[in-house]
mmCIF file of all heavy atoms, coordinates in Angstrom:
data_MODEL
# 
_entry.id   MODEL 
# 
loop_
_atom_site.group_PDB 
_atom_site.id 
_atom_site.type_symbol 
_atom_site.label_atom_id 
_atom_site.label_alt_id 
_atom_site.label_comp_id 
_atom_site.label_asym_id 
_atom_site.label_entity_id 
_atom_site.label_seq_id 
_atom_site.pdbx_PDB_ins_code 
_atom_site.Cartn_x 
_atom_site.Cartn_y 
_atom_site.Cartn_z 
_atom_site.occupancy 
_atom_site.B_iso_or_equiv 
_atom_site.pdbx_formal_charge 
_atom_site.auth_seq_id 
_atom_site.auth_comp_id 
_atom_site.auth_asym_id 
_atom_site.auth_atom_id 
_atom_site.pdbx_PDB_model_num 
ATOM 1   N N   . ALA A 1 1  ? 91.898  112.654 102.314 1.00 0.00 ? 1  ALA A N   1 
ATOM 2   C CA  . ALA A 1 1  ? 92.144  111.300 101.832 1.00 0.00 ? 1  ALA A CA  1 
ATOM 3   C C   . ALA A 1 1  ? 93.049  110.561 102.803 1.00 0.00 ? 1  ALA A C   1 
ATOM 4   O O   . ALA A 1 1  ? 93.804  111.174 103.559 1.00 0.00 ? 1  ALA A O   1 
ATOM 5   C CB  . ALA A 1 1  ? 92.773  111.325 100.436 1.00 0.00 ? 1  ALA A CB  1 
ATOM 6   N N   . TRP A 1 2  ? 92.934  109.256 102.752 1.00 0.00 ? 2  TRP A N   1 
ATOM 7   C CA  . TRP A 1 2  ? 93.833  108.404 103.516 1.00 0.00 ? 2  TRP A CA  1 
ATOM 8   C C   . TRP A 1 2  ? 94.721  107.631 102.544 1.00 0.00 ? 2  TRP A C   1 
ATOM 9   O O   . TRP A 1 2  ? 94.241  107.123 101.520 1.00 0.00 ? 2  TRP A O   1 
ATOM 10  C CB  . TRP A 1 2  ? 93.050  107.419 104.382 1.00 0.00 ? 2  TRP A CB  1 
ATOM 11  C CG  . TRP A 1 2  ? 92.395  108.050 105.565 1.00 0.00 ? 2  TRP A CG  1 
ATOM 12  C CD1 . TRP A 1 2  ? 91.124  108.561 105.632 1.00 0.00 ? 2  TRP A CD1 1 
ATOM 13  C CD2 . TRP A 1 2  ? 92.968  108.243 106.862 1.00 0.00 ? 2  TRP A CD2 1 
ATOM 14  N NE1 . TRP A 1 2  ? 90.876  109.059 106.887 1.00 0.00 ? 2  TRP A NE1 1 
ATOM 15  C CE2 . TRP A 1 2  ? 91.995  108.865 107.667 1.00 0.00 ? 2  TRP A CE2 1 
ATOM 16  C CE3 . TRP A 1 2  ? 94.203  107.943 107.439 1.00 0.00 ? 2  TRP A CE3 1 
ATOM 17  C CZ2 . TRP A 1 2  ? 92.218  109.206 109.003 1.00 0.00 ? 2  TRP A CZ2 1 
ATOM 18  C CZ3 . TRP A 1 2  ? 94.430  108.280 108.755 1.00 0.00 ? 2  TRP A CZ3 1 
ATOM 19  C CH2 . TRP A 1 2  ? 93.442  108.902 109.531 1.00 0.00 ? 2  TRP A CH2 1 
ATOM 20  N N   . PHE A 1 3  ? 95.983  107.531 102.891 1.00 0.00 ? 3  PHE A N   1 
ATOM 21  C CA  . PHE A 1 3  ? 96.952  106.760 102.144 1.00 0.00 ? 3  PHE A CA  1 
ATOM 22  C C   . PHE A 1 3  ? 97.662  105.833 103.118 1.00 0.00 ? 3  PHE A C   1 
ATOM 23  O O   . PHE A 1 3  ? 97.618  106.033 104.336 1.00 0.00 ? 3  PHE A O   1 
ATOM 24  C CB  . PHE A 1 3  ? 97.973  107.679 101.464 1.00 0.00 ? 3  PHE A CB  1 
ATOM 25  C CG  . PHE A 1 3  ? 97.377  108.600 100.438 1.00 0.00 ? 3  PHE A CG  1 
ATOM 26  C CD1 . PHE A 1 3  ? 96.865  109.837 100.802 1.00 0.00 ? 3  PHE A CD1 1 
ATOM 27  C CD2 . PHE A 1 3  ? 97.321  108.225 99.096  1.00 0.00 ? 3  PHE A CD2 1 
ATOM 28  C CE1 . PHE A 1 3  ? 96.302  110.681 99.856  1.00 0.00 ? 3  PHE A CE1 1 
ATOM 29  C CE2 . PHE A 1 3  ? 96.761  109.063 98.152  1.00 0.00 ? 3  PHE A CE2 1 
ATOM 30  C CZ  . PHE A 1 3  ? 96.252  110.290 98.537  1.00 0.00 ? 3  PHE A CZ  1 
ATOM 31  N N   . ARG A 1 4  ? 98.341  104.841 102.575 1.00 0.00 ? 4  ARG A N   1 
ATOM 32  C CA  . ARG A 1 4  ? 99.115  103.954 103.438 1.00 0.00 ? 4  ARG A CA  1 
ATOM 33  C C   . ARG A 1 4  ? 100.360 103.501 102.712 1.00 0.00 ? 4  ARG A C   1 
ATOM 34  O O   . ARG A 1 4  ? 100.398 103.446 101.477 1.00 0.00 ? 4  ARG A O   1 
ATOM 35  C CB  . ARG A 1 4  ? 98.282  102.752 103.870 1.00 0.00 ? 4  ARG A CB  1 
ATOM 36  C CG  . ARG A 1 4  ? 97.898  101.809 102.745 1.00 0.00 ? 4  ARG A CG  1 
ATOM 37  C CD  . ARG A 1 4  ? 96.975  100.702 103.279 1.00 0.00 ? 4  ARG A CD  1 
ATOM 38  N NE  . ARG A 1 4  ? 96.636  99.736  102.230 1.00 0.00 ? 4  ARG A NE  1 
ATOM 39  C CZ  . ARG A 1 4  ? 95.800  98.718  102.406 1.00 0.00 ? 4  ARG A CZ  1 
ATOM 40  N NH1 . ARG A 1 4  ? 95.220  98.532  103.601 1.00 0.00 ? 4  ARG A NH1 1 
ATOM 41  N NH2 . ARG A 1 4  ? 95.544  97.890  101.418 1.00 0.00 ? 4  ARG A NH2 1 
ATOM 42  N N   . GLN A 1 5  ? 101.369 103.192 103.497 1.00 0.00 ? 5  GLN A N   1 
ATOM 43  C CA  . GLN A 1 5  ? 102.624 102.722 102.931 1.00 0.00 ? 5  GLN A CA  1 
ATOM 44  C C   . GLN A 1 5  ? 103.177 101.597 103.788 1.00 0.00 ? 5  GLN A C   1 
ATOM 45  O O   . GLN A 1 5  ? 103.465 101.791 104.975 1.00 0.00 ? 5  GLN A O   1 
ATOM 46  C CB  . GLN A 1 5  ? 103.650 103.849 102.822 1.00 0.00 ? 5  GLN A CB  1 
ATOM 47  C CG  . GLN A 1 5  ? 104.904 103.446 102.082 1.00 0.00 ? 5  GLN A CG  1 
ATOM 48  C CD  . GLN A 1 5  ? 105.776 104.636 101.717 1.00 0.00 ? 5  GLN A CD  1 
ATOM 49  O OE1 . GLN A 1 5  ? 105.684 105.698 102.323 1.00 0.00 ? 5  GLN A OE1 1 
ATOM 50  N NE2 . GLN A 1 5  ? 106.629 104.471 100.715 1.00 0.00 ? 5  GLN A NE2 1 
ATOM 51  N N   . ALA A 1 6  ? 103.312 100.441 103.169 1.00 0.00 ? 6  ALA A N   1 
ATOM 52  C CA  . ALA A 1 6  ? 103.894 99.284  103.828 1.00 0.00 ? 6  ALA A CA  1 
ATOM 53  C C   . ALA A 1 6  ? 105.397 99.257  103.549 1.00 0.00 ? 6  ALA A C   1 
ATOM 54  O O   . ALA A 1 6  ? 105.849 99.827  102.550 1.00 0.00 ? 6  ALA A O   1 
ATOM 55  C CB  . ALA A 1 6  ? 103.231 98.014  103.326 1.00 0.00 ? 6  ALA A CB  1 
ATOM 56  N N   . PRO A 1 7  ? 106.176 98.593  104.391 1.00 0.00 ? 7  PRO A N   1 
ATOM 57  C CA  . PRO A 1 7  ? 107.626 98.542  104.175 1.00 0.00 ? 7  PRO A CA  1 
ATOM 58  C C   . PRO A 1 7  ? 107.969 97.990  102.801 1.00 0.00 ? 7  PRO A C   1 
ATOM 59  O O   . PRO A 1 7  ? 107.438 96.958  102.376 1.00 0.00 ? 7  PRO A O   1 
ATOM 60  C CB  . PRO A 1 7  ? 108.107 97.613  105.284 1.00 0.00 ? 7  PRO A CB  1 
ATOM 61  C CG  . PRO A 1 7  ? 107.083 97.736  106.355 1.00 0.00 ? 7  PRO A CG  1 
ATOM 62  C CD  . PRO A 1 7  ? 105.784 97.922  105.635 1.00 0.00 ? 7  PRO A CD  1 
ATOM 63  N N   . GLY A 1 8  ? 108.815 98.701  102.091 1.00 0.00 ? 8  GLY A N   1 
ATOM 64  C CA  . GLY A 1 8  ? 109.261 98.245  100.788 1.00 0.00 ? 8  GLY A CA  1 
ATOM 65  C C   . GLY A 1 8  ? 108.281 98.463  99.666  1.00 0.00 ? 8  GLY A C   1 
ATOM 66  O O   . GLY A 1 8  ? 108.527 98.036  98.532  1.00 0.00 ? 8  GLY A O   1 
ATOM 67  N N   . LYS A 1 9  ? 107.173 99.109  99.956  1.00 0.00 ? 9  LYS A N   1 
ATOM 68  C CA  . LYS A 1 9  ? 106.157 99.343  98.936  1.00 0.00 ? 9  LYS A CA  1 
ATOM 69  C C   . LYS A 1 9  ? 105.902 100.834 98.762  1.00 0.00 ? 9  LYS A C   1 
ATOM 70  O O   . LYS A 1 9  ? 106.195 101.630 99.647  1.00 0.00 ? 9  LYS A O   1 
ATOM 71  C CB  . LYS A 1 9  ? 104.851 98.634  99.299  1.00 0.00 ? 9  LYS A CB  1 
ATOM 72  C CG  . LYS A 1 9  ? 104.961 97.117  99.319  1.00 0.00 ? 9  LYS A CG  1 
ATOM 73  C CD  . LYS A 1 9  ? 103.606 96.479  99.540  1.00 0.00 ? 9  LYS A CD  1 
ATOM 74  C CE  . LYS A 1 9  ? 103.690 94.968  99.507  1.00 0.00 ? 9  LYS A CE  1 
ATOM 75  N NZ  . LYS A 1 9  ? 102.362 94.335  99.716  1.00 0.00 ? 9  LYS A NZ  1 
ATOM 76  N N   . GLU A 1 10 ? 105.337 101.173 97.633  1.00 0.00 ? 10 GLU A N   1 
ATOM 77  C CA  . GLU A 1 10 ? 104.974 102.557 97.393  1.00 0.00 ? 10 GLU A CA  1 
ATOM 78  C C   . GLU A 1 10 ? 103.724 102.923 98.201  1.00 0.00 ? 10 GLU A C   1 
ATOM 79  O O   . GLU A 1 10 ? 102.902 102.064 98.526  1.00 0.00 ? 10 GLU A O   1 
ATOM 80  C CB  . GLU A 1 10 ? 104.719 102.786 95.903  1.00 0.00 ? 10 GLU A CB  1 
ATOM 81  C CG  . GLU A 1 10 ? 105.949 102.639 95.032  1.00 0.00 ? 10 GLU A CG  1 
ATOM 82  C CD  . GLU A 1 10 ? 105.674 103.012 93.586  1.00 0.00 ? 10 GLU A CD  1 
ATOM 83  O OE1 . GLU A 1 10 ? 104.515 103.263 93.239  1.00 0.00 ? 10 GLU A OE1 1 
ATOM 84  O OE2 . GLU A 1 10 ? 106.644 103.043 92.805  1.00 0.00 ? 10 GLU A OE2 1 
ATOM 85  N N   . ARG A 1 11 ? 103.623 104.201 98.477  1.00 0.00 ? 11 ARG A N   1 
ATOM 86  C CA  . ARG A 1 11 ? 102.430 104.673 99.170  1.00 0.00 ? 11 ARG A CA  1 
ATOM 87  C C   . ARG A 1 11 ? 101.227 104.536 98.238  1.00 0.00 ? 11 ARG A C   1 
ATOM 88  O O   . ARG A 1 11 ? 101.311 104.887 97.048  1.00 0.00 ? 11 ARG A O   1 
ATOM 89  C CB  . ARG A 1 11 ? 102.617 106.122 99.601  1.00 0.00 ? 11 ARG A CB  1 
ATOM 90  C CG  . ARG A 1 11 ? 101.512 106.650 100.487 1.00 0.00 ? 11 ARG A CG  1 
ATOM 91  C CD  . ARG A 1 11 ? 101.957 107.923 101.186 1.00 0.00 ? 11 ARG A CD  1 
ATOM 92  N NE  . ARG A 1 11 ? 102.346 108.951 100.235 1.00 0.00 ? 11 ARG A NE  1 
ATOM 93  C CZ  . ARG A 1 11 ? 102.971 110.075 100.576 1.00 0.00 ? 11 ARG A CZ  1 
ATOM 94  N NH1 . ARG A 1 11 ? 103.263 110.309 101.853 1.00 0.00 ? 11 ARG A NH1 1 
ATOM 95  N NH2 . ARG A 1 11 ? 103.280 110.969 99.665  1.00 0.00 ? 11 ARG A NH2 1 
ATOM 96  N N   . GLU A 1 12 ? 100.129 104.046 98.775  1.00 0.00 ? 12 GLU A N   1 
ATOM 97  C CA  . GLU A 1 12 ? 98.942  103.830 97.959  1.00 0.00 ? 12 GLU A CA  1 
ATOM 98  C C   . GLU A 1 12 ? 97.730  104.489 98.605  1.00 0.00 ? 12 GLU A C   1 
ATOM 99  O O   . GLU A 1 12 ? 97.664  104.683 99.822  1.00 0.00 ? 12 GLU A O   1 
ATOM 100 C CB  . GLU A 1 12 ? 98.673  102.334 97.781  1.00 0.00 ? 12 GLU A CB  1 
ATOM 101 C CG  . GLU A 1 12 ? 98.352  101.608 99.066  1.00 0.00 ? 12 GLU A CG  1 
ATOM 102 C CD  . GLU A 1 12 ? 98.022  100.138 98.837  1.00 0.00 ? 12 GLU A CD  1 
ATOM 103 O OE1 . GLU A 1 12 ? 98.058  99.671  97.694  1.00 0.00 ? 12 GLU A OE1 1 
ATOM 104 O OE2 . GLU A 1 12 ? 97.707  99.468  99.846  1.00 0.00 ? 12 GLU A OE2 1 
ATOM 105 N N   . GLY A 1 13 ? 96.770  104.822 97.773  1.00 0.00 ? 13 GLY A N   1 
ATOM 106 C CA  . GLY A 1 13 ? 95.562  105.441 98.259  1.00 0.00 ? 13 GLY A CA  1 
ATOM 107 C C   . GLY A 1 13 ? 94.622  104.440 98.890  1.00 0.00 ? 13 GLY A C   1 
ATOM 108 O O   . GLY A 1 13 ? 94.520  103.292 98.448  1.00 0.00 ? 13 GLY A O   1 
ATOM 109 N N   . VAL A 1 14 ? 93.948  104.876 99.927  1.00 0.00 ? 14 VAL A N   1 
ATOM 110 C CA  . VAL A 1 14 ? 92.958  104.055 100.621 1.00 0.00 ? 14 VAL A CA  1 
ATOM 111 C C   . VAL A 1 14 ? 91.554  104.543 100.294 1.00 0.00 ? 14 VAL A C   1 
ATOM 112 O O   . VAL A 1 14 ? 90.671  103.772 99.924  1.00 0.00 ? 14 VAL A O   1 
ATOM 113 C CB  . VAL A 1 14 ? 93.198  104.087 102.142 1.00 0.00 ? 14 VAL A CB  1 
ATOM 114 C CG1 . VAL A 1 14 ? 92.063  103.407 102.884 1.00 0.00 ? 14 VAL A CG1 1 
ATOM 115 C CG2 . VAL A 1 14 ? 94.550  103.466 102.473 1.00 0.00 ? 14 VAL A CG2 1 
ATOM 116 N N   . GLY A 1 15 ? 91.344  105.837 100.429 1.00 0.00 ? 15 GLY A N   1 
ATOM 117 C CA  . GLY A 1 15 ? 90.034  106.402 100.138 1.00 0.00 ? 15 GLY A CA  1 
ATOM 118 C C   . GLY A 1 15 ? 90.021  107.890 100.396 1.00 0.00 ? 15 GLY A C   1 
ATOM 119 O O   . GLY A 1 15 ? 90.980  108.444 100.924 1.00 0.00 ? 15 GLY A O   1 
ATOM 120 N N   . CYS A 1 16 ? 88.934  108.527 100.007 1.00 0.00 ? 16 CYS A N   1 
ATOM 121 C CA  . CYS A 1 16 ? 88.805  109.967 100.233 1.00 0.00 ? 16 CYS A CA  1 
ATOM 122 C C   . CYS A 1 16 ? 87.362  110.311 100.576 1.00 0.00 ? 16 CYS A C   1 
ATOM 123 O O   . CYS A 1 16 ? 86.445  109.507 100.371 1.00 0.00 ? 16 CYS A O   1 
ATOM 124 C CB  . CYS A 1 16 ? 89.271  110.765 99.017  1.00 0.00 ? 16 CYS A CB  1 
ATOM 125 S SG  . CYS A 1 16 ? 88.352  110.455 97.498  1.00 0.00 ? 16 CYS A SG  1 
ATOM 126 N N   . ILE A 1 17 ? 87.206  111.528 101.098 1.00 0.00 ? 17 ILE A N   1 
ATOM 127 C CA  . ILE A 1 17 ? 85.881  112.011 101.468 1.00 0.00 ? 17 ILE A CA  1 
ATOM 128 C C   . ILE A 1 17 ? 85.758  113.459 101.033 1.00 0.00 ? 17 ILE A C   1 
ATOM 129 O O   . ILE A 1 17 ? 86.715  114.241 101.141 1.00 0.00 ? 17 ILE A O   1 
ATOM 130 C CB  . ILE A 1 17 ? 85.617  111.841 102.983 1.00 0.00 ? 17 ILE A CB  1 
ATOM 131 C CG1 . ILE A 1 17 ? 84.167  112.170 103.333 1.00 0.00 ? 17 ILE A CG1 1 
ATOM 132 C CG2 . ILE A 1 17 ? 86.597  112.660 103.812 1.00 0.00 ? 17 ILE A CG2 1 
ATOM 133 C CD1 . ILE A 1 17 ? 83.762  111.696 104.727 1.00 0.00 ? 17 ILE A CD1 1 
ATOM 134 N N   . SER A 1 18 ? 84.588  113.806 100.527 1.00 0.00 ? 18 SER A N   1 
ATOM 135 C CA  . SER A 1 18 ? 84.359  115.159 100.048 1.00 0.00 ? 18 SER A CA  1 
ATOM 136 C C   . SER A 1 18 ? 84.256  116.153 101.209 1.00 0.00 ? 18 SER A C   1 
ATOM 137 O O   . SER A 1 18 ? 84.230  115.771 102.379 1.00 0.00 ? 18 SER A O   1 
ATOM 138 C CB  . SER A 1 18 ? 83.061  115.209 99.229  1.00 0.00 ? 18 SER A CB  1 
ATOM 139 O OG  . SER A 1 18 ? 81.947  114.897 100.062 1.00 0.00 ? 18 SER A OG  1 
ATOM 140 N N   . ARG A 1 19 ? 84.192  117.424 100.869 1.00 0.00 ? 19 ARG A N   1 
ATOM 141 C CA  . ARG A 1 19 ? 84.166  118.466 101.887 1.00 0.00 ? 19 ARG A CA  1 
ATOM 142 C C   . ARG A 1 19 ? 82.974  118.354 102.832 1.00 0.00 ? 19 ARG A C   1 
ATOM 143 O O   . ARG A 1 19 ? 83.098  118.594 104.031 1.00 0.00 ? 19 ARG A O   1 
ATOM 144 C CB  . ARG A 1 19 ? 84.178  119.845 101.212 1.00 0.00 ? 19 ARG A CB  1 
ATOM 145 C CG  . ARG A 1 19 ? 85.504  120.176 100.573 1.00 0.00 ? 19 ARG A CG  1 
ATOM 146 C CD  . ARG A 1 19 ? 85.409  121.375 99.634  1.00 0.00 ? 19 ARG A CD  1 
ATOM 147 N NE  . ARG A 1 19 ? 86.698  121.670 99.024  1.00 0.00 ? 19 ARG A NE  1 
ATOM 148 C CZ  . ARG A 1 19 ? 87.208  120.972 98.020  1.00 0.00 ? 19 ARG A CZ  1 
ATOM 149 N NH1 . ARG A 1 19 ? 86.530  119.967 97.495  1.00 0.00 ? 19 ARG A NH1 1 
ATOM 150 N NH2 . ARG A 1 19 ? 88.392  121.298 97.535  1.00 0.00 ? 19 ARG A NH2 1 
ATOM 151 N N   . THR A 1 20 ? 81.844  117.998 102.302 1.00 0.00 ? 20 THR A N   1 
ATOM 152 C CA  . THR A 1 20 ? 80.647  117.885 103.150 1.00 0.00 ? 20 THR A CA  1 
ATOM 153 C C   . THR A 1 20 ? 80.488  116.497 103.758 1.00 0.00 ? 20 THR A C   1 
ATOM 154 O O   . THR A 1 20 ? 79.658  116.301 104.645 1.00 0.00 ? 20 THR A O   1 
ATOM 155 C CB  . THR A 1 20 ? 79.392  118.192 102.337 1.00 0.00 ? 20 THR A CB  1 
ATOM 156 O OG1 . THR A 1 20 ? 79.260  117.204 101.309 1.00 0.00 ? 20 THR A OG1 1 
ATOM 157 C CG2 . THR A 1 20 ? 79.476  119.585 101.710 1.00 0.00 ? 20 THR A CG2 1 
ATOM 158 N N   . GLY A 1 21 ? 81.259  115.558 103.255 1.00 0.00 ? 21 GLY A N   1 
ATOM 159 C CA  . GLY A 1 21 ? 81.107  114.182 103.707 1.00 0.00 ? 21 GLY A CA  1 
ATOM 160 C C   . GLY A 1 21 ? 80.082  113.400 102.912 1.00 0.00 ? 21 GLY A C   1 
ATOM 161 O O   . GLY A 1 21 ? 79.847  112.225 103.179 1.00 0.00 ? 21 GLY A O   1 
ATOM 162 N N   . GLY A 1 22 ? 79.499  114.045 101.919 1.00 0.00 ? 22 GLY A N   1 
ATOM 163 C CA  . GLY A 1 22 ? 78.449  113.387 101.170 1.00 0.00 ? 22 GLY A CA  1 
ATOM 164 C C   . GLY A 1 22 ? 78.931  112.408 100.127 1.00 0.00 ? 22 GLY A C   1 
ATOM 165 O O   . GLY A 1 22 ? 78.148  111.610 99.605  1.00 0.00 ? 22 GLY A O   1 
ATOM 166 N N   . ARG A 1 23 ? 80.206  112.468 99.821  1.00 0.00 ? 23 ARG A N   1 
ATOM 167 C CA  . ARG A 1 23 ? 80.764  111.547 98.824  1.00 0.00 ? 23 ARG A CA  1 
ATOM 168 C C   . ARG A 1 23 ? 82.047  110.942 99.362  1.00 0.00 ? 23 ARG A C   1 
ATOM 169 O O   . ARG A 1 23 ? 82.888  111.631 99.931  1.00 0.00 ? 23 ARG A O   1 
ATOM 170 C CB  . ARG A 1 23 ? 81.055  112.280 97.523  1.00 0.00 ? 23 ARG A CB  1 
ATOM 171 C CG  . ARG A 1 23 ? 81.803  111.437 96.496  1.00 0.00 ? 23 ARG A CG  1 
ATOM 172 C CD  . ARG A 1 23 ? 82.028  112.196 95.208  1.00 0.00 ? 23 ARG A CD  1 
ATOM 173 N NE  . ARG A 1 23 ? 80.791  112.435 94.485  1.00 0.00 ? 23 ARG A NE  1 
ATOM 174 C CZ  . ARG A 1 23 ? 80.736  113.017 93.299  1.00 0.00 ? 23 ARG A CZ  1 
ATOM 175 N NH1 . ARG A 1 23 ? 81.837  113.424 92.697  1.00 0.00 ? 23 ARG A NH1 1 
ATOM 176 N NH2 . ARG A 1 23 ? 79.579  113.207 92.706  1.00 0.00 ? 23 ARG A NH2 1 
ATOM 177 N N   . THR A 1 24 ? 82.164  109.652 99.154  1.00 0.00 ? 24 THR A N   1 
ATOM 178 C CA  . THR A 1 24 ? 83.388  108.943 99.502  1.00 0.00 ? 24 THR A CA  1 
ATOM 179 C C   . THR A 1 24 ? 83.786  108.050 98.339  1.00 0.00 ? 24 THR A C   1 
ATOM 180 O O   . THR A 1 24 ? 82.948  107.679 97.504  1.00 0.00 ? 24 THR A O   1 
ATOM 181 C CB  . THR A 1 24 ? 83.225  108.073 100.755 1.00 0.00 ? 24 THR A CB  1 
ATOM 182 O OG1 . THR A 1 24 ? 82.101  107.189 100.575 1.00 0.00 ? 24 THR A OG1 1 
ATOM 183 C CG2 . THR A 1 24 ? 83.006  108.912 101.998 1.00 0.00 ? 24 THR A CG2 1 
ATOM 184 N N   . PHE A 1 25 ? 85.051  107.727 98.297  1.00 0.00 ? 25 PHE A N   1 
ATOM 185 C CA  . PHE A 1 25 ? 85.566  106.796 97.304  1.00 0.00 ? 25 PHE A CA  1 
ATOM 186 C C   . PHE A 1 25 ? 86.622  105.947 97.976  1.00 0.00 ? 25 PHE A C   1 
ATOM 187 O O   . PHE A 1 25 ? 87.420  106.437 98.770  1.00 0.00 ? 25 PHE A O   1 
ATOM 188 C CB  . PHE A 1 25 ? 86.158  107.541 96.114  1.00 0.00 ? 25 PHE A CB  1 
ATOM 189 C CG  . PHE A 1 25 ? 86.790  106.607 95.120  1.00 0.00 ? 25 PHE A CG  1 
ATOM 190 C CD1 . PHE A 1 25 ? 86.003  105.915 94.217  1.00 0.00 ? 25 PHE A CD1 1 
ATOM 191 C CD2 . PHE A 1 25 ? 88.161  106.395 95.111  1.00 0.00 ? 25 PHE A CD2 1 
ATOM 192 C CE1 . PHE A 1 25 ? 86.580  105.032 93.318  1.00 0.00 ? 25 PHE A CE1 1 
ATOM 193 C CE2 . PHE A 1 25 ? 88.743  105.520 94.221  1.00 0.00 ? 25 PHE A CE2 1 
ATOM 194 C CZ  . PHE A 1 25 ? 87.955  104.833 93.328  1.00 0.00 ? 25 PHE A CZ  1 
ATOM 195 N N   . TYR A 1 26 ? 86.634  104.642 97.635  1.00 0.00 ? 26 TYR A N   1 
ATOM 196 C CA  . TYR A 1 26 ? 87.564  103.711 98.263  1.00 0.00 ? 26 TYR A CA  1 
ATOM 197 C C   . TYR A 1 26 ? 88.332  102.921 97.217  1.00 0.00 ? 26 TYR A C   1 
ATOM 198 O O   . TYR A 1 26 ? 87.800  102.571 96.165  1.00 0.00 ? 26 TYR A O   1 
ATOM 199 C CB  . TYR A 1 26 ? 86.805  102.737 99.165  1.00 0.00 ? 26 TYR A CB  1 
ATOM 200 C CG  . TYR A 1 26 ? 86.039  103.428 100.266 1.00 0.00 ? 26 TYR A CG  1 
ATOM 201 C CD1 . TYR A 1 26 ? 84.698  103.731 100.114 1.00 0.00 ? 26 TYR A CD1 1 
ATOM 202 C CD2 . TYR A 1 26 ? 86.676  103.794 101.454 1.00 0.00 ? 26 TYR A CD2 1 
ATOM 203 C CE1 . TYR A 1 26 ? 83.990  104.389 101.106 1.00 0.00 ? 26 TYR A CE1 1 
ATOM 204 C CE2 . TYR A 1 26 ? 85.977  104.445 102.450 1.00 0.00 ? 26 TYR A CE2 1 
ATOM 205 C CZ  . TYR A 1 26 ? 84.633  104.736 102.272 1.00 0.00 ? 26 TYR A CZ  1 
ATOM 206 O OH  . TYR A 1 26 ? 83.943  105.385 103.257 1.00 0.00 ? 26 TYR A OH  1 
ATOM 207 N N   . ALA A 1 27 ? 89.559  102.617 97.543  1.00 0.00 ? 27 ALA A N   1 
ATOM 208 C CA  . ALA A 1 27 ? 90.331  101.712 96.717  1.00 0.00 ? 27 ALA A CA  1 
ATOM 209 C C   . ALA A 1 27 ? 89.732  100.311 96.797  1.00 0.00 ? 27 ALA A C   1 
ATOM 210 O O   . ALA A 1 27 ? 89.131  99.938  97.815  1.00 0.00 ? 27 ALA A O   1 
ATOM 211 C CB  . ALA A 1 27 ? 91.782  101.689 97.188  1.00 0.00 ? 27 ALA A CB  1 
ATOM 212 N N   . GLY A 1 28 ? 89.918  99.556  95.739  1.00 0.00 ? 28 GLY A N   1 
ATOM 213 C CA  . GLY A 1 28 ? 89.315  98.238  95.675  1.00 0.00 ? 28 GLY A CA  1 
ATOM 214 C C   . GLY A 1 28 ? 89.721  97.307  96.807  1.00 0.00 ? 28 GLY A C   1 
ATOM 215 O O   . GLY A 1 28 ? 88.914  96.488  97.271  1.00 0.00 ? 28 GLY A O   1 
ATOM 216 N N   . ALA A 1 29 ? 90.958  97.437  97.268  1.00 0.00 ? 29 ALA A N   1 
ATOM 217 C CA  . ALA A 1 29 ? 91.464  96.538  98.297  1.00 0.00 ? 29 ALA A CA  1 
ATOM 218 C C   . ALA A 1 29 ? 90.770  96.717  99.643  1.00 0.00 ? 29 ALA A C   1 
ATOM 219 O O   . ALA A 1 29 ? 90.804  95.808  100.483 1.00 0.00 ? 29 ALA A O   1 
ATOM 220 C CB  . ALA A 1 29 ? 92.963  96.743  98.463  1.00 0.00 ? 29 ALA A CB  1 
# 
């Protein structure tokens, strides 16, 4: 998974990928 953290903000999720790469999920932003 990828996460990101901007200054002064909590770390938030960006997206993830399954073990085979066959499934991904993304945050709405």
